[in-house]
N, C-alpha and C. Protein backbone atom coordinates (compact mmCIF):
# COMPACT_ATOMS: atom_id res chain seq x y z
N MET A 1 0.84 -1.18 0.00
CA MET A 1 0.00 0.00 0.00
C MET A 1 0.89 1.24 0.00
N THR A 2 0.56 2.21 -0.81
CA THR A 2 1.29 3.46 -0.85
C THR A 2 0.31 4.59 -0.64
N GLU A 3 0.64 5.50 0.25
CA GLU A 3 -0.18 6.67 0.51
C GLU A 3 0.70 7.91 0.47
N ILE A 4 0.29 8.90 -0.27
CA ILE A 4 0.95 10.19 -0.29
C ILE A 4 2.47 10.03 -0.43
N GLY A 5 2.90 9.18 -1.34
CA GLY A 5 4.31 9.04 -1.62
C GLY A 5 5.11 8.23 -0.62
N LYS A 6 4.47 7.66 0.39
CA LYS A 6 5.16 6.86 1.39
C LYS A 6 4.74 5.41 1.23
N LYS A 7 5.74 4.53 1.11
CA LYS A 7 5.45 3.11 1.00
C LYS A 7 5.07 2.56 2.38
N PHE A 8 4.07 1.72 2.40
CA PHE A 8 3.63 1.11 3.65
C PHE A 8 4.40 -0.19 3.85
N SER A 9 5.25 -0.21 4.87
CA SER A 9 5.93 -1.44 5.25
C SER A 9 4.93 -2.34 5.97
N ARG A 10 5.30 -3.57 6.19
CA ARG A 10 4.43 -4.51 6.92
C ARG A 10 4.17 -3.97 8.33
N GLN A 11 5.21 -3.45 8.98
CA GLN A 11 5.04 -2.91 10.33
C GLN A 11 4.11 -1.70 10.33
N ARG A 12 4.29 -0.80 9.37
CA ARG A 12 3.44 0.39 9.31
C ARG A 12 1.99 -0.01 9.07
N GLU A 13 1.78 -0.99 8.21
CA GLU A 13 0.42 -1.48 7.95
C GLU A 13 -0.19 -2.07 9.22
N MET A 14 0.59 -2.86 9.96
CA MET A 14 0.10 -3.46 11.20
C MET A 14 -0.26 -2.38 12.23
N ILE A 15 0.58 -1.37 12.35
CA ILE A 15 0.33 -0.28 13.29
C ILE A 15 -0.93 0.48 12.90
N TYR A 16 -1.05 0.78 11.63
CA TYR A 16 -2.23 1.50 11.12
C TYR A 16 -3.52 0.69 11.39
N GLU A 17 -3.49 -0.58 11.05
CA GLU A 17 -4.67 -1.43 11.25
C GLU A 17 -5.00 -1.59 12.73
N GLN A 18 -4.00 -1.64 13.57
CA GLN A 18 -4.25 -1.77 15.01
C GLN A 18 -5.02 -0.56 15.53
N VAL A 19 -4.61 0.63 15.11
CA VAL A 19 -5.31 1.83 15.56
C VAL A 19 -6.71 1.89 14.95
N LYS A 20 -6.83 1.58 13.66
CA LYS A 20 -8.13 1.61 13.01
C LYS A 20 -9.14 0.68 13.69
N ASN A 21 -8.66 -0.45 14.20
CA ASN A 21 -9.55 -1.45 14.78
C ASN A 21 -9.61 -1.41 16.30
N TYR A 22 -8.89 -0.49 16.92
CA TYR A 22 -8.85 -0.39 18.38
C TYR A 22 -10.02 0.46 18.83
N PRO A 23 -10.78 0.00 19.82
CA PRO A 23 -12.00 0.73 20.18
C PRO A 23 -11.78 1.99 21.02
N ASN A 24 -10.62 2.14 21.66
CA ASN A 24 -10.49 3.20 22.65
C ASN A 24 -9.30 4.14 22.47
N HIS A 25 -9.00 4.59 21.28
CA HIS A 25 -7.98 5.60 21.08
C HIS A 25 -6.68 5.25 21.80
N PRO A 26 -5.92 4.31 21.27
CA PRO A 26 -4.75 3.79 21.98
C PRO A 26 -3.58 4.77 22.04
N THR A 27 -2.73 4.55 23.05
CA THR A 27 -1.44 5.23 23.12
C THR A 27 -0.45 4.40 22.31
N ALA A 28 0.74 4.94 22.08
CA ALA A 28 1.78 4.19 21.38
C ALA A 28 2.15 2.93 22.16
N ASP A 29 2.19 3.03 23.49
CA ASP A 29 2.48 1.86 24.33
C ASP A 29 1.46 0.75 24.11
N GLU A 30 0.19 1.12 24.06
CA GLU A 30 -0.87 0.12 23.87
C GLU A 30 -0.78 -0.53 22.50
N VAL A 31 -0.47 0.26 21.48
CA VAL A 31 -0.30 -0.30 20.13
C VAL A 31 0.87 -1.27 20.12
N CYS A 32 1.97 -0.86 20.69
CA CYS A 32 3.17 -1.70 20.71
C CYS A 32 2.91 -3.01 21.44
N ASN A 33 2.30 -2.92 22.62
CA ASN A 33 2.00 -4.13 23.40
C ASN A 33 1.06 -5.07 22.67
N ALA A 34 0.07 -4.52 21.98
CA ALA A 34 -0.89 -5.34 21.25
C ALA A 34 -0.23 -6.07 20.08
N LEU A 35 0.77 -5.45 19.47
CA LEU A 35 1.41 -6.04 18.29
C LEU A 35 2.61 -6.92 18.62
N LYS A 36 3.09 -6.88 19.85
CA LYS A 36 4.30 -7.62 20.24
C LYS A 36 4.16 -9.13 20.02
N LYS A 37 2.97 -9.68 20.22
CA LYS A 37 2.82 -11.14 20.08
C LYS A 37 3.02 -11.59 18.63
N ASP A 38 2.61 -10.77 17.67
CA ASP A 38 2.79 -11.10 16.25
C ASP A 38 4.11 -10.58 15.68
N CYS A 39 4.67 -9.59 16.34
CA CYS A 39 5.90 -8.96 15.85
C CYS A 39 6.81 -8.66 17.05
N PRO A 40 7.46 -9.70 17.61
CA PRO A 40 8.21 -9.53 18.86
C PRO A 40 9.38 -8.56 18.78
N ASN A 41 9.90 -8.29 17.60
CA ASN A 41 11.03 -7.37 17.45
C ASN A 41 10.60 -5.91 17.28
N LEU A 42 9.31 -5.65 17.31
CA LEU A 42 8.80 -4.29 17.13
C LEU A 42 9.20 -3.44 18.33
N SER A 43 9.81 -2.29 18.06
CA SER A 43 10.22 -1.41 19.15
C SER A 43 9.21 -0.28 19.34
N LEU A 44 9.20 0.25 20.55
CA LEU A 44 8.31 1.37 20.85
C LEU A 44 8.68 2.58 20.00
N GLY A 45 9.96 2.77 19.73
CA GLY A 45 10.39 3.88 18.87
C GLY A 45 9.82 3.77 17.47
N THR A 46 9.80 2.56 16.92
CA THR A 46 9.23 2.33 15.60
C THR A 46 7.74 2.65 15.60
N VAL A 47 7.06 2.25 16.66
CA VAL A 47 5.62 2.53 16.77
C VAL A 47 5.39 4.03 16.83
N TYR A 48 6.14 4.74 17.67
CA TYR A 48 6.00 6.20 17.77
C TYR A 48 6.24 6.87 16.42
N ARG A 49 7.33 6.52 15.76
CA ARG A 49 7.65 7.14 14.46
C ARG A 49 6.53 6.91 13.45
N ASN A 50 6.03 5.68 13.40
CA ASN A 50 4.98 5.36 12.42
C ASN A 50 3.66 6.02 12.77
N LEU A 51 3.31 6.07 14.04
CA LEU A 51 2.07 6.74 14.43
C LEU A 51 2.13 8.22 14.09
N ASN A 52 3.26 8.85 14.35
CA ASN A 52 3.40 10.28 14.02
C ASN A 52 3.39 10.50 12.51
N LEU A 53 4.02 9.61 11.76
CA LEU A 53 4.01 9.72 10.30
C LEU A 53 2.59 9.53 9.76
N LEU A 54 1.88 8.53 10.25
CA LEU A 54 0.50 8.28 9.81
C LEU A 54 -0.40 9.46 10.17
N SER A 55 -0.14 10.07 11.30
CA SER A 55 -0.88 11.26 11.69
C SER A 55 -0.55 12.43 10.76
N ASP A 56 0.74 12.63 10.47
CA ASP A 56 1.14 13.70 9.54
C ASP A 56 0.55 13.50 8.15
N MET A 57 0.37 12.24 7.75
CA MET A 57 -0.20 11.92 6.44
C MET A 57 -1.72 12.09 6.42
N GLY A 58 -2.33 12.29 7.59
CA GLY A 58 -3.77 12.46 7.67
C GLY A 58 -4.54 11.15 7.73
N LEU A 59 -3.84 10.03 7.93
CA LEU A 59 -4.51 8.73 7.99
C LEU A 59 -4.97 8.39 9.40
N LEU A 60 -4.36 9.02 10.39
CA LEU A 60 -4.77 8.89 11.79
C LEU A 60 -4.83 10.29 12.38
N THR A 61 -5.54 10.42 13.49
CA THR A 61 -5.60 11.68 14.20
C THR A 61 -4.86 11.52 15.52
N LYS A 62 -3.94 12.46 15.80
CA LYS A 62 -3.25 12.46 17.09
C LYS A 62 -4.07 13.31 18.04
N ILE A 63 -4.34 12.77 19.22
CA ILE A 63 -5.14 13.46 20.22
C ILE A 63 -4.23 13.78 21.41
N HIS A 64 -4.11 15.05 21.74
CA HIS A 64 -3.28 15.47 22.87
C HIS A 64 -4.17 15.56 24.11
N LEU A 65 -4.19 14.48 24.89
CA LEU A 65 -4.98 14.43 26.11
C LEU A 65 -4.18 13.73 27.19
N GLY A 66 -4.38 14.13 28.42
CA GLY A 66 -3.71 13.43 29.50
C GLY A 66 -2.19 13.52 29.36
N GLU A 67 -1.51 12.51 29.86
CA GLU A 67 -0.05 12.51 29.86
C GLU A 67 0.54 12.03 28.54
N LYS A 68 -0.18 11.19 27.82
CA LYS A 68 0.34 10.61 26.59
C LYS A 68 -0.60 10.90 25.43
N ASP A 69 0.00 11.09 24.26
CA ASP A 69 -0.83 11.25 23.06
C ASP A 69 -1.56 9.95 22.78
N ARG A 70 -2.75 10.09 22.24
CA ARG A 70 -3.54 8.95 21.80
C ARG A 70 -3.78 9.11 20.32
N PHE A 71 -4.18 8.02 19.68
CA PHE A 71 -4.36 8.06 18.23
C PHE A 71 -5.73 7.51 17.89
N ASP A 72 -6.34 8.10 16.87
CA ASP A 72 -7.70 7.77 16.46
C ASP A 72 -7.70 7.42 14.98
N GLY A 73 -8.29 6.29 14.64
CA GLY A 73 -8.41 5.89 13.25
C GLY A 73 -9.56 6.58 12.53
N ASN A 74 -10.41 7.23 13.27
CA ASN A 74 -11.54 7.96 12.69
C ASN A 74 -11.07 9.38 12.42
N THR A 75 -10.86 9.70 11.16
CA THR A 75 -10.35 11.02 10.80
C THR A 75 -11.45 11.99 10.36
N THR A 76 -12.71 11.57 10.48
CA THR A 76 -13.80 12.50 10.18
C THR A 76 -13.92 13.51 11.32
N PRO A 77 -14.42 14.72 11.05
CA PRO A 77 -14.50 15.73 12.11
C PRO A 77 -15.39 15.27 13.26
N HIS A 78 -14.81 15.23 14.45
CA HIS A 78 -15.54 14.95 15.67
C HIS A 78 -14.69 15.37 16.86
N CYS A 79 -15.32 15.47 18.01
CA CYS A 79 -14.63 15.88 19.23
C CYS A 79 -14.33 14.66 20.09
N HIS A 80 -13.56 14.88 21.14
CA HIS A 80 -13.25 13.81 22.08
C HIS A 80 -13.53 14.27 23.50
N PHE A 81 -13.94 13.30 24.32
CA PHE A 81 -14.17 13.54 25.75
C PHE A 81 -13.19 12.67 26.52
N PHE A 82 -12.40 13.28 27.40
CA PHE A 82 -11.41 12.59 28.21
C PHE A 82 -11.90 12.54 29.65
N CYS A 83 -12.06 11.31 30.17
CA CYS A 83 -12.49 11.14 31.56
C CYS A 83 -11.28 11.26 32.47
N GLU A 84 -11.34 12.20 33.40
CA GLU A 84 -10.23 12.44 34.32
C GLU A 84 -10.10 11.36 35.39
N ILE A 85 -11.09 10.49 35.51
CA ILE A 85 -11.03 9.43 36.52
C ILE A 85 -10.50 8.13 35.92
N CYS A 86 -11.16 7.62 34.88
CA CYS A 86 -10.75 6.32 34.32
C CYS A 86 -9.73 6.47 33.18
N GLY A 87 -9.57 7.68 32.63
CA GLY A 87 -8.59 7.91 31.56
C GLY A 87 -9.07 7.50 30.18
N LYS A 88 -10.31 7.06 30.05
CA LYS A 88 -10.82 6.66 28.74
C LYS A 88 -11.13 7.89 27.89
N VAL A 89 -11.06 7.69 26.57
CA VAL A 89 -11.38 8.74 25.62
C VAL A 89 -12.57 8.27 24.80
N PHE A 90 -13.56 9.13 24.69
CA PHE A 90 -14.79 8.81 23.96
C PHE A 90 -14.96 9.78 22.80
N ASP A 91 -15.49 9.29 21.69
CA ASP A 91 -15.85 10.16 20.58
C ASP A 91 -17.13 10.91 20.92
N VAL A 92 -17.19 12.17 20.53
CA VAL A 92 -18.38 12.99 20.67
C VAL A 92 -18.74 13.44 19.26
N GLU A 93 -19.71 12.77 18.68
CA GLU A 93 -20.06 13.01 17.28
C GLU A 93 -20.90 14.27 17.09
N ASP A 94 -21.91 14.46 17.91
CA ASP A 94 -22.85 15.57 17.73
C ASP A 94 -22.47 16.70 18.68
N SER A 95 -21.45 17.46 18.30
CA SER A 95 -20.93 18.49 19.19
C SER A 95 -21.12 19.91 18.66
N GLY A 96 -21.75 20.03 17.53
CA GLY A 96 -21.97 21.35 16.95
C GLY A 96 -20.79 21.89 16.16
N ILE A 97 -19.76 21.05 15.89
CA ILE A 97 -18.61 21.56 15.14
C ILE A 97 -18.79 21.46 13.64
N ASN A 98 -19.78 20.69 13.19
CA ASN A 98 -19.98 20.59 11.74
C ASN A 98 -20.23 21.96 11.15
N GLY A 99 -19.45 22.31 10.16
CA GLY A 99 -19.59 23.59 9.49
C GLY A 99 -18.88 24.74 10.17
N ILE A 100 -18.16 24.48 11.25
CA ILE A 100 -17.50 25.57 11.97
C ILE A 100 -16.44 26.25 11.12
N GLU A 101 -15.80 25.48 10.23
CA GLU A 101 -14.77 26.07 9.37
C GLU A 101 -15.36 27.19 8.52
N GLU A 102 -16.55 26.95 7.96
CA GLU A 102 -17.21 27.94 7.12
C GLU A 102 -17.65 29.15 7.94
N ARG A 103 -18.12 28.90 9.18
CA ARG A 103 -18.54 30.01 10.03
C ARG A 103 -17.36 30.88 10.42
N VAL A 104 -16.22 30.27 10.70
CA VAL A 104 -15.03 31.04 11.04
C VAL A 104 -14.56 31.84 9.83
N LEU A 105 -14.55 31.20 8.66
CA LEU A 105 -14.14 31.89 7.43
C LEU A 105 -15.05 33.09 7.16
N ALA A 106 -16.36 32.87 7.27
CA ALA A 106 -17.32 33.95 7.00
C ALA A 106 -17.19 35.08 8.03
N GLY A 107 -16.95 34.73 9.27
CA GLY A 107 -16.90 35.75 10.33
C GLY A 107 -15.57 36.46 10.46
N THR A 108 -14.47 35.80 10.10
CA THR A 108 -13.16 36.38 10.35
C THR A 108 -12.27 36.46 9.11
N GLY A 109 -12.59 35.68 8.09
CA GLY A 109 -11.73 35.60 6.92
C GLY A 109 -10.59 34.61 7.08
N HIS A 110 -10.53 33.95 8.24
CA HIS A 110 -9.48 32.95 8.49
C HIS A 110 -9.89 31.61 7.90
N LEU A 111 -8.95 30.96 7.22
CA LEU A 111 -9.19 29.65 6.64
C LEU A 111 -8.77 28.56 7.64
N VAL A 112 -9.73 27.83 8.16
CA VAL A 112 -9.47 26.77 9.14
C VAL A 112 -9.11 25.50 8.39
N LYS A 113 -7.97 24.93 8.73
CA LYS A 113 -7.53 23.69 8.10
C LYS A 113 -7.75 22.48 8.99
N GLN A 114 -7.84 22.72 10.30
CA GLN A 114 -8.06 21.61 11.22
C GLN A 114 -8.77 22.13 12.46
N VAL A 115 -9.70 21.32 12.97
CA VAL A 115 -10.42 21.66 14.19
C VAL A 115 -10.16 20.56 15.21
N CYS A 116 -9.73 20.95 16.40
CA CYS A 116 -9.49 19.99 17.49
C CYS A 116 -10.23 20.48 18.72
N VAL A 117 -11.28 19.79 19.09
CA VAL A 117 -12.04 20.14 20.27
C VAL A 117 -12.03 18.93 21.20
N ASN A 118 -11.54 19.15 22.42
CA ASN A 118 -11.47 18.08 23.40
C ASN A 118 -12.14 18.54 24.68
N PHE A 119 -12.97 17.68 25.22
CA PHE A 119 -13.64 17.95 26.48
C PHE A 119 -12.97 17.12 27.57
N ARG A 120 -12.92 17.65 28.79
CA ARG A 120 -12.39 16.93 29.95
C ARG A 120 -13.46 16.93 31.02
N GLY A 121 -13.55 15.84 31.75
CA GLY A 121 -14.53 15.77 32.82
C GLY A 121 -14.63 14.36 33.35
N ILE A 122 -15.82 13.99 33.77
CA ILE A 122 -16.07 12.68 34.33
C ILE A 122 -17.11 11.97 33.46
N CYS A 123 -16.75 10.79 32.96
CA CYS A 123 -17.66 10.06 32.08
C CYS A 123 -18.88 9.54 32.84
N ARG A 124 -19.84 9.10 32.08
CA ARG A 124 -21.09 8.59 32.63
C ARG A 124 -20.84 7.44 33.61
N ASN A 125 -19.99 6.50 33.25
CA ASN A 125 -19.74 5.34 34.11
C ASN A 125 -19.10 5.75 35.43
N CYS A 126 -18.11 6.62 35.37
CA CYS A 126 -17.44 7.05 36.59
C CYS A 126 -18.34 7.92 37.46
N SER A 127 -19.19 8.75 36.86
CA SER A 127 -20.08 9.58 37.66
C SER A 127 -21.14 8.73 38.37
N HIS A 128 -21.56 7.62 37.76
CA HIS A 128 -22.51 6.71 38.40
C HIS A 128 -21.86 5.98 39.56
N GLU A 129 -20.58 5.66 39.43
CA GLU A 129 -19.87 4.96 40.50
C GLU A 129 -19.67 5.85 41.71
N LYS A 130 -19.62 7.16 41.52
CA LYS A 130 -19.44 8.10 42.64
C LYS A 130 -20.70 8.29 43.45
N THR A 131 -21.87 7.99 42.85
CA THR A 131 -23.14 8.21 43.58
C THR A 131 -23.59 6.97 44.29
């Protein structure tokens, strides 16, 4: 597979597929640990480099939340919610960001190329456990 002039090695393909199929926005550590059984020589450095490259290519989204970056295989516009208790990251699809690029352009003349909206708080499961 070749994307945007970069050849996909077997390792890069495995890393990409792992993130695409991972349900909870994995960290590089989680990707590396998940792939170690099939690729025992895979290093964390290789995983980091490939995740950042895939993110730069627009095939994955890098999410800056918590202590470690997380990666999302869903590159369509959406927001994320980070639970400060359990550390899970959830997609927020209906957040009112659809069309925000056009509204910013119309109101300010600025051309928005990327929108990153992240919410922090306590998820539904953790808030129920507190009561």
